[in-house]
């Protein structure tokens, strides 16, 4: 059987079997049928209209349906959004912070982390083994997806070949909320191991402001000098904030 080409090609009846029979509540009364009906209507609307047909809290509900069967997920979805701010922040939140929200258990954490991992892999597949010049917007989207909502700093290096095709993306170091240790010698050593001809540095600012610090500028210059000594080009250094990124090249810092 060929896979469906669009959400609307999926028959809503395919989901009918994953709704377990309504169980009695602790006081012996059956759970209200509106919960099951609401889930079916929401799934139908999503399958017909796609993600644009549902707001953030309903998209979150759809995820939570799988984690917690036979309960109204709207209150928990709204609590998560109120706590973290938006859908992306909920999905990207560390498990420990997710568990701080009333009603979140291991099943909910697992579902959200699966979605986060899938989003990262999808975004990564759009840039890996492709020329950076022709996929720059996809590259920025990938960096935002992977790093914008982290609550600690992470430093990554994108390694490019002679045709500026991305051959590897590797985290080099993780740090605290405002500092990450970076060793230029290790960055250049890894570039030589991968036979890379060029680099793009990427790190995030958990504060949300991508303005580079004096330490960021100094570290970038150290890596540039070490790379150039070995014939490796440093194309750019991207600083990822919550809603935007900053390019050293565009800002005249490189």
C-alpha atoms as a PDB file:
ATOM      1  CA  UNK A   1       0.000   0.000   0.000  1.00  0.00           C
ATOM      2  CA  UNK A   2       1.379   3.405  -0.940  1.00  0.00           C
ATOM      3  CA  UNK A   3       1.746   5.921   1.919  1.00  0.00           C
ATOM      4  CA  UNK A   4      -0.718   8.852   1.995  1.00  0.00           C
ATOM      5  CA  UNK A   5       0.452  11.982   0.229  1.00  0.00           C
ATOM      6  CA  UNK A   6      -1.279  14.459   2.531  1.00  0.00           C
ATOM      7  CA  UNK A   7      -2.858  14.598   5.968  1.00  0.00           C
ATOM      8  CA  UNK A   8      -6.303  14.534   4.371  1.00  0.00           C
ATOM      9  CA  UNK A   9      -5.478  11.229   2.626  1.00  0.00           C
ATOM     10  CA  UNK A  10      -5.348   9.479   6.004  1.00  0.00           C
ATOM     11  CA  UNK A  11      -8.634   7.961   6.980  1.00  0.00           C
ATOM     12  CA  UNK A  12      -9.713   9.210  10.424  1.00  0.00           C
ATOM     13  CA  UNK A  13     -11.105   5.740  11.112  1.00  0.00           C
ATOM     14  CA  UNK A  14      -7.524   4.470  11.316  1.00  0.00           C
ATOM     15  CA  UNK A  15      -7.288   6.153  14.699  1.00  0.00           C
ATOM     16  CA  UNK A  16     -10.527   4.754  16.041  1.00  0.00           C
ATOM     17  CA  UNK A  17      -8.824   1.686  17.448  1.00  0.00           C
ATOM     18  CA  UNK A  18      -6.350   3.566  19.638  1.00  0.00           C
ATOM     19  CA  UNK A  19      -9.081   4.962  21.881  1.00  0.00           C
ATOM     20  CA  UNK A  20      -9.516   2.464  24.684  1.00  0.00           C
ATOM     21  CA  UNK A  21     -13.016   1.770  25.989  1.00  0.00           C
ATOM     22  CA  UNK A  22     -14.191   4.402  28.443  1.00  0.00           C
ATOM     23  CA  UNK A  23     -13.260   3.237  31.933  1.00  0.00           C
ATOM     24  CA  UNK A  24     -15.272   4.024  35.031  1.00  0.00           C
ATOM     25  CA  UNK A  25     -14.125   6.911  37.180  1.00  0.00           C
ATOM     26  CA  UNK A  26     -13.025   6.125  40.758  1.00  0.00           C
ATOM     27  CA  UNK A  27     -16.571   6.800  42.008  1.00  0.00           C
ATOM     28  CA  UNK A  28     -17.975   4.174  39.641  1.00  0.00           C
ATOM     29  CA  UNK A  29     -19.410   6.562  37.047  1.00  0.00           C
ATOM     30  CA  UNK A  30     -18.173   6.294  33.441  1.00  0.00           C
ATOM     31  CA  UNK A  31     -15.901   9.024  32.142  1.00  0.00           C
ATOM     32  CA  UNK A  32     -17.778  11.544  29.995  1.00  0.00           C
ATOM     33  CA  UNK A  33     -17.931  10.662  26.317  1.00  0.00           C
ATOM     34  CA  UNK A  34     -17.088  14.257  25.320  1.00  0.00           C
ATOM     35  CA  UNK A  35     -13.430  13.496  26.004  1.00  0.00           C
ATOM     36  CA  UNK A  36     -13.373  10.763  23.386  1.00  0.00           C
ATOM     37  CA  UNK A  37     -15.489  12.848  20.980  1.00  0.00           C
ATOM     38  CA  UNK A  38     -13.202  15.861  21.436  1.00  0.00           C
ATOM     39  CA  UNK A  39     -10.145  13.771  20.607  1.00  0.00           C
ATOM     40  CA  UNK A  40     -11.755  12.445  17.463  1.00  0.00           C
ATOM     41  CA  UNK A  41     -12.870  15.894  16.293  1.00  0.00           C
ATOM     42  CA  UNK A  42      -9.436  17.368  16.947  1.00  0.00           C
ATOM     43  CA  UNK A  43      -7.692  14.585  15.048  1.00  0.00           C
ATOM     44  CA  UNK A  44     -10.107  14.963  12.133  1.00  0.00           C
ATOM     45  CA  UNK A  45      -9.455  18.703  11.990  1.00  0.00           C
ATOM     46  CA  UNK A  46      -5.698  18.139  12.058  1.00  0.00           C
ATOM     47  CA  UNK A  47      -5.808  15.475   9.352  1.00  0.00           C
ATOM     48  CA  UNK A  48      -8.005  17.643   7.148  1.00  0.00           C
ATOM     49  CA  UNK A  49      -6.315  21.005   7.589  1.00  0.00           C
ATOM     50  CA  UNK A  50      -2.823  20.119   8.793  1.00  0.00           C
ATOM     51  CA  UNK A  51      -0.888  21.912  11.512  1.00  0.00           C
ATOM     52  CA  UNK A  52      -2.201  25.325  10.449  1.00  0.00           C
ATOM     53  CA  UNK A  53      -5.711  24.216  11.394  1.00  0.00           C
ATOM     54  CA  UNK A  54      -4.875  23.878  15.099  1.00  0.00           C
ATOM     55  CA  UNK A  55      -3.383  26.424  17.534  1.00  0.00           C
ATOM     56  CA  UNK A  56      -0.423  25.572  19.746  1.00  0.00           C
ATOM     57  CA  UNK A  57      -2.432  24.302  22.697  1.00  0.00           C
ATOM     58  CA  UNK A  58      -4.413  21.892  20.500  1.00  0.00           C
ATOM     59  CA  UNK A  59      -1.287  20.623  18.758  1.00  0.00           C
ATOM     60  CA  UNK A  60       0.109  19.983  22.221  1.00  0.00           C
ATOM     61  CA  UNK A  61      -3.110  18.190  23.146  1.00  0.00           C
ATOM     62  CA  UNK A  62      -2.640  15.869  20.175  1.00  0.00           C
ATOM     63  CA  UNK A  63       0.768  14.892  21.520  1.00  0.00           C
ATOM     64  CA  UNK A  64      -0.521  14.409  25.044  1.00  0.00           C
ATOM     65  CA  UNK A  65      -3.339  12.115  23.867  1.00  0.00           C
ATOM     66  CA  UNK A  66      -0.763   9.394  23.285  1.00  0.00           C
ATOM     67  CA  UNK A  67       0.856   9.848  26.684  1.00  0.00           C
ATOM     68  CA  UNK A  68      -2.283   9.991  28.838  1.00  0.00           C
ATOM     69  CA  UNK A  69      -5.310   8.119  27.466  1.00  0.00           C
ATOM     70  CA  UNK A  70      -8.918   8.847  28.461  1.00  0.00           C
ATOM     71  CA  UNK A  71      -8.314  12.210  30.116  1.00  0.00           C
ATOM     72  CA  UNK A  72      -8.993  15.802  29.106  1.00  0.00           C
ATOM     73  CA  UNK A  73      -5.582  17.131  28.037  1.00  0.00           C
ATOM     74  CA  UNK A  74      -6.572  20.767  27.491  1.00  0.00           C
ATOM     75  CA  UNK A  75      -5.755  21.896  31.070  1.00  0.00           C
ATOM     76  CA  UNK A  76      -2.307  20.280  30.995  1.00  0.00           C
ATOM     77  CA  UNK A  77      -1.573  21.680  27.530  1.00  0.00           C
ATOM     78  CA  UNK A  78      -2.439  25.176  28.739  1.00  0.00           C
ATOM     79  CA  UNK A  79      -0.342  24.777  31.913  1.00  0.00           C
ATOM     80  CA  UNK A  80       2.667  23.765  29.850  1.00  0.00           C
ATOM     81  CA  UNK A  81       2.272  26.726  27.506  1.00  0.00           C
ATOM     82  CA  UNK A  82       1.805  29.152  30.396  1.00  0.00           C
ATOM     83  CA  UNK A  83       4.902  27.755  32.108  1.00  0.00           C
ATOM     84  CA  UNK A  84       7.247  27.729  29.083  1.00  0.00           C
ATOM     85  CA  UNK A  85       5.751  30.363  26.770  1.00  0.00           C
ATOM     86  CA  UNK A  86       5.234  28.606  23.433  1.00  0.00           C
ATOM     87  CA  UNK A  87       5.057  25.210  21.739  1.00  0.00           C
ATOM     88  CA  UNK A  88       8.750  25.132  20.785  1.00  0.00           C
ATOM     89  CA  UNK A  89       9.826  25.923  24.330  1.00  0.00           C
ATOM     90  CA  UNK A  90       7.620  23.146  25.711  1.00  0.00           C
ATOM     91  CA  UNK A  91       9.013  20.505  23.360  1.00  0.00           C
ATOM     92  CA  UNK A  92      12.598  21.715  23.916  1.00  0.00           C
ATOM     93  CA  UNK A  93      12.393  21.999  27.707  1.00  0.00           C
ATOM     94  CA  UNK A  94      14.713  19.747  29.734  1.00  0.00           C
ATOM     95  CA  UNK A  95      12.967  16.749  31.327  1.00  0.00           C
ATOM     96  CA  UNK A  96      13.637  18.041  34.850  1.00  0.00           C
ATOM     97  CA  UNK A  97      11.846  21.319  34.110  1.00  0.00           C
ATOM     98  CA  UNK A  98       8.956  19.534  32.427  1.00  0.00           C
ATOM     99  CA  UNK A  99       8.431  17.443  35.553  1.00  0.00           C
ATOM    100  CA  UNK A 100       7.992  20.649  37.557  1.00  0.00           C
ATOM    101  CA  UNK A 101       4.629  21.151  35.852  1.00  0.00           C
ATOM    102  CA  UNK A 102       1.697  19.565  37.652  1.00  0.00           C
ATOM    103  CA  UNK A 103       0.424  16.564  35.720  1.00  0.00           C
ATOM    104  CA  UNK A 104       3.632  15.792  33.827  1.00  0.00           C
ATOM    105  CA  UNK A 105       4.996  12.294  34.314  1.00  0.00           C
ATOM    106  CA  UNK A 106       7.421  10.061  32.460  1.00  0.00           C
ATOM    107  CA  UNK A 107       4.939   9.259  29.670  1.00  0.00           C
ATOM    108  CA  UNK A 108       4.483  12.963  28.853  1.00  0.00           C
ATOM    109  CA  UNK A 109       8.227  13.654  29.023  1.00  0.00           C
ATOM    110  CA  UNK A 110       8.906  10.718  26.694  1.00  0.00           C
ATOM    111  CA  UNK A 111       6.375  11.864  24.077  1.00  0.00           C
ATOM    112  CA  UNK A 112       7.712  15.429  24.063  1.00  0.00           C
ATOM    113  CA  UNK A 113      11.336  14.296  23.800  1.00  0.00           C
ATOM    114  CA  UNK A 114      10.463  11.970  20.895  1.00  0.00           C
ATOM    115  CA  UNK A 115       8.930  14.902  19.044  1.00  0.00           C
ATOM    116  CA  UNK A 116      11.978  17.061  19.797  1.00  0.00           C
ATOM    117  CA  UNK A 117      14.340  14.380  18.495  1.00  0.00           C
ATOM    118  CA  UNK A 118      12.252  13.954  15.341  1.00  0.00           C
ATOM    119  CA  UNK A 119      12.282  17.713  14.721  1.00  0.00           C
ATOM    120  CA  UNK A 120      16.058  17.834  15.112  1.00  0.00           C
ATOM    121  CA  UNK A 121      16.610  14.937  12.721  1.00  0.00           C
ATOM    122  CA  UNK A 122      14.265  16.381  10.117  1.00  0.00           C
ATOM    123  CA  UNK A 123      15.949  19.789  10.261  1.00  0.00           C
ATOM    124  CA  UNK A 124      19.401  18.183  10.157  1.00  0.00           C
ATOM    125  CA  UNK A 125      18.511  16.070   7.113  1.00  0.00           C
ATOM    126  CA  UNK A 126      17.769  19.262   5.181  1.00  0.00           C
ATOM    127  CA  UNK A 127      21.304  20.593   5.562  1.00  0.00           C
ATOM    128  CA  UNK A 128      23.664  17.624   5.917  1.00  0.00           C
ATOM    129  CA  UNK A 129      25.494  16.725   2.709  1.00  0.00           C
ATOM    130  CA  UNK A 130      24.214  19.889   1.020  1.00  0.00           C
ATOM    131  CA  UNK A 131      25.984  23.044  -0.046  1.00  0.00           C
ATOM    132  CA  UNK A 132      25.721  25.678   2.640  1.00  0.00           C
ATOM    133  CA  UNK A 133      25.443  28.450   0.055  1.00  0.00           C
ATOM    134  CA  UNK A 134      22.229  26.982  -1.392  1.00  0.00           C
ATOM    135  CA  UNK A 135      20.704  25.886   1.924  1.00  0.00           C
ATOM    136  CA  UNK A 136      21.587  28.816   4.200  1.00  0.00           C
ATOM    137  CA  UNK A 137      18.021  29.417   5.404  1.00  0.00           C
ATOM    138  CA  UNK A 138      17.606  25.715   6.154  1.00  0.00           C
ATOM    139  CA  UNK A 139      20.886  25.835   8.058  1.00  0.00           C
ATOM    140  CA  UNK A 140      19.672  28.748  10.176  1.00  0.00           C
ATOM    141  CA  UNK A 141      16.380  26.911  10.815  1.00  0.00           C
ATOM    142  CA  UNK A 142      18.316  23.850  11.915  1.00  0.00           C
ATOM    143  CA  UNK A 143      20.484  25.851  14.316  1.00  0.00           C
ATOM    144  CA  UNK A 144      17.407  27.521  15.784  1.00  0.00           C
ATOM    145  CA  UNK A 145      15.652  24.171  16.183  1.00  0.00           C
ATOM    146  CA  UNK A 146      18.640  22.509  17.825  1.00  0.00           C
ATOM    147  CA  UNK A 147      19.850  25.327  20.073  1.00  0.00           C
ATOM    148  CA  UNK A 148      17.503  28.288  20.555  1.00  0.00           C
ATOM    149  CA  UNK A 149      15.677  26.919  23.578  1.00  0.00           C
ATOM    150  CA  UNK A 150      18.563  25.301  25.439  1.00  0.00           C
ATOM    151  CA  UNK A 151      18.971  26.568  28.996  1.00  0.00           C
ATOM    152  CA  UNK A 152      22.768  26.194  28.940  1.00  0.00           C
ATOM    153  CA  UNK A 153      25.322  27.239  26.334  1.00  0.00           C
ATOM    154  CA  UNK A 154      26.420  24.755  23.697  1.00  0.00           C
ATOM    155  CA  UNK A 155      29.197  25.173  21.142  1.00  0.00           C
ATOM    156  CA  UNK A 156      28.941  23.322  17.829  1.00  0.00           C
ATOM    157  CA  UNK A 157      31.145  23.221  14.760  1.00  0.00           C
ATOM    158  CA  UNK A 158      29.862  22.669  11.227  1.00  0.00           C
ATOM    159  CA  UNK A 159      32.560  21.084   9.059  1.00  0.00           C
ATOM    160  CA  UNK A 160      32.528  21.734   5.294  1.00  0.00           C
ATOM    161  CA  UNK A 161      34.401  20.170   2.397  1.00  0.00           C
ATOM    162  CA  UNK A 162      36.054  21.990  -0.517  1.00  0.00           C
ATOM    163  CA  UNK A 163      32.670  22.498  -2.213  1.00  0.00           C
ATOM    164  CA  UNK A 164      31.190  23.959   0.982  1.00  0.00           C
ATOM    165  CA  UNK A 165      29.058  20.869   1.492  1.00  0.00           C
ATOM    166  CA  UNK A 166      28.265  20.203   5.150  1.00  0.00           C
ATOM    167  CA  UNK A 167      29.957  16.912   6.010  1.00  0.00           C
ATOM    168  CA  UNK A 168      29.577  16.923   9.801  1.00  0.00           C
ATOM    169  CA  UNK A 169      27.895  18.818  12.603  1.00  0.00           C
ATOM    170  CA  UNK A 170      29.318  18.106  16.025  1.00  0.00           C
ATOM    171  CA  UNK A 171      28.830  19.558  19.492  1.00  0.00           C
ATOM    172  CA  UNK A 172      32.249  20.408  20.883  1.00  0.00           C
ATOM    173  CA  UNK A 173      31.396  21.570  24.379  1.00  0.00           C
ATOM    174  CA  UNK A 174      28.567  22.312  26.798  1.00  0.00           C
ATOM    175  CA  UNK A 175      28.711  24.886  29.538  1.00  0.00           C
ATOM    176  CA  UNK A 176      26.668  26.920  31.976  1.00  0.00           C
ATOM    177  CA  UNK A 177      23.978  29.524  31.393  1.00  0.00           C
ATOM    178  CA  UNK A 178      26.555  32.109  30.291  1.00  0.00           C
ATOM    179  CA  UNK A 179      29.821  30.321  29.497  1.00  0.00           C
ATOM    180  CA  UNK A 180      31.067  27.392  27.469  1.00  0.00           C
ATOM    181  CA  UNK A 181      34.729  26.311  27.360  1.00  0.00           C
ATOM    182  CA  UNK A 182      36.142  26.115  23.820  1.00  0.00           C
ATOM    183  CA  UNK A 183      39.634  24.928  22.844  1.00  0.00           C
ATOM    184  CA  UNK A 184      40.768  26.128  19.396  1.00  0.00           C
ATOM    185  CA  UNK A 185      43.334  23.332  19.144  1.00  0.00           C
ATOM    186  CA  UNK A 186      40.607  20.679  19.516  1.00  0.00           C
ATOM    187  CA  UNK A 187      38.410  22.366  16.897  1.00  0.00           C
ATOM    188  CA  UNK A 188      41.214  22.440  14.330  1.00  0.00           C
ATOM    189  CA  UNK A 189      42.345  18.906  15.211  1.00  0.00           C
ATOM    190  CA  UNK A 190      38.850  17.590  14.500  1.00  0.00           C
ATOM    191  CA  UNK A 191      38.709  19.499  11.212  1.00  0.00           C
ATOM    192  CA  UNK A 192      41.913  17.759  10.100  1.00  0.00           C
ATOM    193  CA  UNK A 193      40.512  14.352  11.111  1.00  0.00           C
ATOM    194  CA  UNK A 194      37.436  14.986   8.938  1.00  0.00           C
ATOM    195  CA  UNK A 195      39.513  16.433   6.085  1.00  0.00           C
ATOM    196  CA  UNK A 196      37.381  19.573   6.289  1.00  0.00           C
ATOM    197  CA  UNK A 197      38.305  22.659   4.310  1.00  0.00           C
ATOM    198  CA  UNK A 198      36.110  25.174   6.104  1.00  0.00           C
ATOM    199  CA  UNK A 199      34.234  25.719   9.364  1.00  0.00           C
ATOM    200  CA  UNK A 200      31.161  27.475  10.683  1.00  0.00           C
ATOM    201  CA  UNK A 201      31.036  27.975  14.437  1.00  0.00           C
ATOM    202  CA  UNK A 202      27.683  28.027  16.214  1.00  0.00           C
ATOM    203  CA  UNK A 203      26.763  28.629  19.824  1.00  0.00           C
ATOM    204  CA  UNK A 204      23.646  29.734  21.655  1.00  0.00           C
ATOM    205  CA  UNK A 205      22.895  32.375  24.265  1.00  0.00           C
ATOM    206  CA  UNK A 206      20.310  31.092  26.756  1.00  0.00           C
ATOM    207  CA  UNK A 207      19.557  34.707  27.713  1.00  0.00           C
ATOM    208  CA  UNK A 208      17.930  35.070  24.301  1.00  0.00           C
ATOM    209  CA  UNK A 209      20.137  37.974  23.214  1.00  0.00           C
ATOM    210  CA  UNK A 210      22.584  36.883  20.474  1.00  0.00           C
ATOM    211  CA  UNK A 211      24.897  39.861  20.945  1.00  0.00           C
ATOM    212  CA  UNK A 212      28.428  38.391  21.164  1.00  0.00           C
ATOM    213  CA  UNK A 213      30.503  38.941  24.266  1.00  0.00           C
ATOM    214  CA  UNK A 214      34.133  40.022  24.319  1.00  0.00           C
ATOM    215  CA  UNK A 215      35.050  36.408  25.090  1.00  0.00           C
ATOM    216  CA  UNK A 216      33.056  35.215  22.047  1.00  0.00           C
ATOM    217  CA  UNK A 217      34.962  37.619  19.791  1.00  0.00           C
ATOM    218  CA  UNK A 218      38.354  36.676  21.230  1.00  0.00           C
ATOM    219  CA  UNK A 219      37.674  32.936  20.971  1.00  0.00           C
ATOM    220  CA  UNK A 220      36.526  33.310  17.360  1.00  0.00           C
ATOM    221  CA  UNK A 221      39.722  35.120  16.433  1.00  0.00           C
ATOM    222  CA  UNK A 222      41.833  32.406  18.074  1.00  0.00           C
ATOM    223  CA  UNK A 223      40.069  29.699  16.077  1.00  0.00           C
ATOM    224  CA  UNK A 224      40.352  31.725  12.860  1.00  0.00           C
ATOM    225  CA  UNK A 225      44.105  32.110  13.278  1.00  0.00           C
ATOM    226  CA  UNK A 226      44.624  28.439  14.179  1.00  0.00           C
ATOM    227  CA  UNK A 227      42.513  27.299  11.223  1.00  0.00           C
ATOM    228  CA  UNK A 228      44.132  29.607   8.685  1.00  0.00           C
ATOM    229  CA  UNK A 229      47.573  28.383   9.714  1.00  0.00           C
ATOM    230  CA  UNK A 230      46.512  24.964   8.418  1.00  0.00           C
ATOM    231  CA  UNK A 231      44.712  26.170   5.315  1.00  0.00           C
ATOM    232  CA  UNK A 232      41.223  25.885   6.796  1.00  0.00           C
ATOM    233  CA  UNK A 233      38.738  28.730   6.282  1.00  0.00           C
ATOM    234  CA  UNK A 234      36.442  30.016   9.010  1.00  0.00           C
ATOM    235  CA  UNK A 235      33.324  31.121   7.124  1.00  0.00           C
ATOM    236  CA  UNK A 236      31.240  32.436   9.996  1.00  0.00           C
ATOM    237  CA  UNK A 237      30.309  32.273  13.646  1.00  0.00           C
ATOM    238  CA  UNK A 238      26.579  32.199  14.372  1.00  0.00           C
ATOM    239  CA  UNK A 239      25.207  33.148  17.782  1.00  0.00           C
ATOM    240  CA  UNK A 240      21.713  31.734  18.296  1.00  0.00           C
ATOM    241  CA  UNK A 241      19.194  33.644  20.397  1.00  0.00           C
ATOM    242  CA  UNK A 242      15.602  32.780  21.244  1.00  0.00           C
ATOM    243  CA  UNK A 243      14.041  34.480  18.227  1.00  0.00           C
ATOM    244  CA  UNK A 244      16.964  35.508  16.010  1.00  0.00           C
ATOM    245  CA  UNK A 245      20.574  34.774  15.257  1.00  0.00           C
ATOM    246  CA  UNK A 246      23.644  36.950  14.747  1.00  0.00           C
ATOM    247  CA  UNK A 247      26.296  36.372  12.089  1.00  0.00           C
ATOM    248  CA  UNK A 248      29.851  37.478  12.814  1.00  0.00           C
ATOM    249  CA  UNK A 249      30.429  37.794   9.059  1.00  0.00           C
ATOM    250  CA  UNK A 250      27.365  39.992   8.531  1.00  0.00           C
ATOM    251  CA  UNK A 251      28.283  42.172  11.517  1.00  0.00           C
ATOM    252  CA  UNK A 252      31.838  42.739  10.268  1.00  0.00           C
ATOM    253  CA  UNK A 253      33.357  40.802  13.186  1.00  0.00           C
ATOM    254  CA  UNK A 254      35.034  38.251  10.950  1.00  0.00           C
END
